[in-house]
Amino acid sequence: MKQSDEYVTLIEEKLKKFIELHTHLKLEYQNLVEEKSVLNKIVENQKEKLKESEKQINNIITAKYLKNNKETTEAKQKINEILREIDKCVGLLNQ
């Protein structure tokens, strides 16, 4: 009987350690999930900033192109292309 009591005590101790480890890992997992969510939001914000920067660069390039362009017909064509693209985008947004 004495030996079986020792086995039971040993099993109880191991079970307590296992439960503690499980609880710790569960909390760590929850923290990692929250951290991942925060990082995903940061990535999305950075993507938006990148898109805005690309738009600004394109606007600057277009403005420089139009400024340096001596022929007004080419400038009008470029403006018309941009307006058509804007109209397409607005149309897609309205769908």
Protein backbone atom coordinates (compact mmCIF):
# COMPACT_ATOMS: atom_id res chain seq x y z
CA MET A 1 0.00 0.00 0.00
CA LYS A 2 2.78 2.38 0.83
CA GLN A 3 4.26 2.09 -2.63
CA SER A 4 0.90 2.62 -4.33
CA ASP A 5 0.40 5.79 -2.23
CA GLU A 6 3.75 7.05 -3.51
CA TYR A 7 2.67 6.35 -7.08
CA VAL A 8 -0.59 8.21 -6.56
CA THR A 9 1.26 11.15 -5.03
CA LEU A 10 3.75 11.17 -7.89
CA ILE A 11 0.94 11.06 -10.45
CA GLU A 12 -0.88 13.89 -8.66
CA GLU A 13 2.27 16.04 -8.70
CA LYS A 14 2.84 15.37 -12.39
CA LEU A 15 -0.79 16.13 -13.14
CA LYS A 16 -0.56 19.45 -11.25
CA LYS A 17 2.58 20.36 -13.22
CA PHE A 18 0.86 19.40 -16.44
CA ILE A 19 -2.17 21.56 -15.58
CA GLU A 20 0.07 24.50 -14.69
CA LEU A 21 1.98 24.10 -17.95
CA HIS A 22 -1.27 23.83 -19.91
CA THR A 23 -2.62 27.00 -18.28
CA HIS A 24 0.63 28.85 -18.95
CA LEU A 25 0.70 27.75 -22.60
CA LYS A 26 -2.94 28.67 -23.04
CA LEU A 27 -2.26 32.20 -21.78
CA GLU A 28 0.82 32.48 -23.95
CA TYR A 29 -1.20 31.37 -26.97
CA GLN A 30 -3.85 34.01 -26.25
CA ASN A 31 -1.15 36.66 -25.97
CA LEU A 32 0.35 35.57 -29.27
CA VAL A 33 -3.04 35.70 -30.98
CA GLU A 34 -3.58 39.24 -29.68
CA GLU A 35 -0.08 40.26 -30.75
CA LYS A 36 -0.71 38.80 -34.22
CA SER A 37 -3.90 40.82 -34.47
CA VAL A 38 -2.08 44.02 -33.53
CA LEU A 39 0.71 43.28 -36.02
CA ASN A 40 -1.82 42.57 -38.77
CA LYS A 41 -3.43 45.96 -38.11
CA ILE A 42 -0.02 47.63 -38.32
CA VAL A 43 0.67 45.86 -41.62
CA GLU A 44 -2.69 47.00 -43.02
CA ASN A 45 -2.00 50.58 -41.93
CA GLN A 46 1.43 50.47 -43.57
CA LYS A 47 -0.11 49.10 -46.78
CA GLU A 48 -2.58 51.99 -46.80
CA LYS A 49 0.22 54.49 -46.26
CA LEU A 50 2.16 52.88 -49.10
CA LYS A 51 -0.84 53.15 -51.42
CA GLU A 52 -1.27 56.81 -50.50
CA SER A 53 2.44 57.45 -51.12
CA GLU A 54 2.22 55.72 -54.50
CA LYS A 55 -0.77 57.88 -55.41
CA GLN A 56 1.13 61.01 -54.42
CA ILE A 57 4.14 59.93 -56.47
CA ASN A 58 1.94 59.26 -59.48
CA ASN A 59 0.29 62.66 -59.04
CA ILE A 60 3.68 64.36 -58.87
CA ILE A 61 4.90 62.50 -61.95
CA THR A 62 1.74 63.42 -63.81
CA ALA A 63 2.01 67.05 -62.72
CA LYS A 64 5.65 67.22 -63.83
CA TYR A 65 4.77 65.56 -67.11
CA LEU A 66 1.98 68.04 -67.75
CA LYS A 67 4.14 70.98 -66.73
CA ASN A 68 7.00 70.00 -69.00
CA ASN A 69 4.76 69.07 -71.88
CA LYS A 70 4.66 71.84 -74.48
CA GLU A 71 1.89 70.44 -76.61
CA THR A 72 -1.54 71.03 -75.10
CA THR A 73 -3.15 68.22 -77.05
CA GLU A 74 -0.98 65.64 -75.32
CA ALA A 75 -1.80 67.20 -71.96
CA LYS A 76 -5.51 67.09 -72.78
CA GLN A 77 -5.19 63.43 -73.79
CA LYS A 78 -3.47 62.57 -70.53
CA ILE A 79 -6.13 64.43 -68.54
CA ASN A 80 -8.85 62.60 -70.46
CA GLU A 81 -7.17 59.25 -69.71
CA ILE A 82 -7.00 60.11 -66.02
CA LEU A 83 -10.64 61.20 -66.03
CA ARG A 84 -11.66 57.94 -67.71
CA GLU A 85 -9.75 55.98 -65.07
CA ILE A 86 -11.46 57.99 -62.33
CA ASP A 87 -14.85 57.35 -63.94
CA LYS A 88 -14.08 53.62 -64.08
CA CYS A 89 -13.08 53.64 -60.41
CA VAL A 90 -16.22 55.51 -59.42
CA GLY A 91 -18.27 53.07 -61.45
CA LEU A 92 -16.62 50.12 -59.71
CA LEU A 93 -17.21 51.71 -56.32
CA ASN A 94 -20.89 52.23 -57.11
CA GLN A 95 -21.39 48.56 -57.97
